[in-house]
């Protein structure tokens, strides 16, 4: 259970680091949209990258903590 909790913590931290990547604010802002809303946030790619980086860091942490 501790390993899963560690993975979730690492995943959330990495997600917040990855979220700003590739964010572009549109030139023309449509009515009803926030001025800071990204044009295309690419959330699927960001979630995949976050999961892969978190898995790699979790494996490193697991190896270091088990030895």
C-alpha atoms as a PDB file:
ATOM      1  CA  UNK A   1       0.000   0.000   0.000  1.00  0.00           C
ATOM      2  CA  UNK A   2       2.901   2.358   0.725  1.00  0.00           C
ATOM      3  CA  UNK A   3       4.264   1.810  -2.770  1.00  0.00           C
ATOM      4  CA  UNK A   4       0.939   2.797  -4.339  1.00  0.00           C
ATOM      5  CA  UNK A   5       0.736   5.920  -2.195  1.00  0.00           C
ATOM      6  CA  UNK A   6       4.283   6.885  -3.169  1.00  0.00           C
ATOM      7  CA  UNK A   7       3.413   6.417  -6.866  1.00  0.00           C
ATOM      8  CA  UNK A   8       0.317   8.639  -6.519  1.00  0.00           C
ATOM      9  CA  UNK A   9       2.305  11.393  -4.794  1.00  0.00           C
ATOM     10  CA  UNK A  10       5.022  11.257  -7.461  1.00  0.00           C
ATOM     11  CA  UNK A  11       2.355  11.222 -10.201  1.00  0.00           C
ATOM     12  CA  UNK A  12       0.586  14.331  -8.871  1.00  0.00           C
ATOM     13  CA  UNK A  13       3.857  16.258  -8.494  1.00  0.00           C
ATOM     14  CA  UNK A  14       4.936  15.337 -12.026  1.00  0.00           C
ATOM     15  CA  UNK A  15       1.487  16.246 -13.396  1.00  0.00           C
ATOM     16  CA  UNK A  16       1.782  19.769 -12.018  1.00  0.00           C
ATOM     17  CA  UNK A  17       5.245  20.014 -13.584  1.00  0.00           C
ATOM     18  CA  UNK A  18       3.991  18.795 -16.990  1.00  0.00           C
ATOM     19  CA  UNK A  19       0.758  20.830 -17.189  1.00  0.00           C
ATOM     20  CA  UNK A  20       2.371  24.075 -18.456  1.00  0.00           C
ATOM     21  CA  UNK A  21       4.179  22.320 -21.341  1.00  0.00           C
ATOM     22  CA  UNK A  22       2.977  23.431 -24.769  1.00  0.00           C
ATOM     23  CA  UNK A  23       0.292  25.812 -23.538  1.00  0.00           C
ATOM     24  CA  UNK A  24      -0.604  28.453 -26.114  1.00  0.00           C
ATOM     25  CA  UNK A  25      -3.281  31.078 -25.529  1.00  0.00           C
ATOM     26  CA  UNK A  26      -5.362  31.718 -28.664  1.00  0.00           C
ATOM     27  CA  UNK A  27      -5.012  35.027 -30.490  1.00  0.00           C
ATOM     28  CA  UNK A  28      -8.778  35.481 -30.734  1.00  0.00           C
ATOM     29  CA  UNK A  29     -10.611  34.852 -27.467  1.00  0.00           C
ATOM     30  CA  UNK A  30     -14.206  33.720 -27.903  1.00  0.00           C
ATOM     31  CA  UNK A  31     -16.999  35.097 -25.782  1.00  0.00           C
ATOM     32  CA  UNK A  32     -17.453  33.121 -22.568  1.00  0.00           C
ATOM     33  CA  UNK A  33     -13.904  31.702 -22.516  1.00  0.00           C
ATOM     34  CA  UNK A  34     -11.273  32.669 -19.982  1.00  0.00           C
ATOM     35  CA  UNK A  35      -8.475  34.819 -21.371  1.00  0.00           C
ATOM     36  CA  UNK A  36      -5.940  32.318 -20.064  1.00  0.00           C
ATOM     37  CA  UNK A  37      -7.674  29.182 -21.422  1.00  0.00           C
ATOM     38  CA  UNK A  38      -5.262  27.203 -23.625  1.00  0.00           C
ATOM     39  CA  UNK A  39      -6.102  26.575 -27.258  1.00  0.00           C
ATOM     40  CA  UNK A  40      -5.398  22.829 -27.077  1.00  0.00           C
ATOM     41  CA  UNK A  41      -4.196  21.524 -23.703  1.00  0.00           C
ATOM     42  CA  UNK A  42      -3.091  18.050 -25.017  1.00  0.00           C
ATOM     43  CA  UNK A  43      -4.260  16.417 -21.772  1.00  0.00           C
ATOM     44  CA  UNK A  44      -4.013  12.858 -23.092  1.00  0.00           C
ATOM     45  CA  UNK A  45      -0.347  13.234 -23.974  1.00  0.00           C
ATOM     46  CA  UNK A  46       0.371  15.011 -20.689  1.00  0.00           C
ATOM     47  CA  UNK A  47      -1.287  12.239 -18.669  1.00  0.00           C
ATOM     48  CA  UNK A  48       0.694   9.601 -20.566  1.00  0.00           C
ATOM     49  CA  UNK A  49       3.994  11.447 -20.090  1.00  0.00           C
ATOM     50  CA  UNK A  50       3.181  11.977 -16.411  1.00  0.00           C
ATOM     51  CA  UNK A  51       2.462   8.276 -15.921  1.00  0.00           C
ATOM     52  CA  UNK A  52       5.675   7.211 -17.650  1.00  0.00           C
ATOM     53  CA  UNK A  53       7.905   9.639 -15.747  1.00  0.00           C
ATOM     54  CA  UNK A  54       6.200   8.758 -12.448  1.00  0.00           C
ATOM     55  CA  UNK A  55       6.672   5.050 -13.129  1.00  0.00           C
ATOM     56  CA  UNK A  56      10.381   5.536 -13.839  1.00  0.00           C
ATOM     57  CA  UNK A  57      10.872   7.616 -10.687  1.00  0.00           C
ATOM     58  CA  UNK A  58       8.868   5.116  -8.642  1.00  0.00           C
ATOM     59  CA  UNK A  59      11.063   2.246  -9.872  1.00  0.00           C
ATOM     60  CA  UNK A  60      14.176   4.199  -8.896  1.00  0.00           C
ATOM     61  CA  UNK A  61      12.704   4.960  -5.454  1.00  0.00           C
ATOM     62  CA  UNK A  62      11.707   1.298  -5.029  1.00  0.00           C
ATOM     63  CA  UNK A  63      15.214   0.062  -5.866  1.00  0.00           C
ATOM     64  CA  UNK A  64      16.848   2.608  -3.560  1.00  0.00           C
ATOM     65  CA  UNK A  65      14.506   1.878  -0.652  1.00  0.00           C
ATOM     66  CA  UNK A  66      14.714  -1.922  -0.938  1.00  0.00           C
ATOM     67  CA  UNK A  67      18.524  -2.006  -0.881  1.00  0.00           C
END
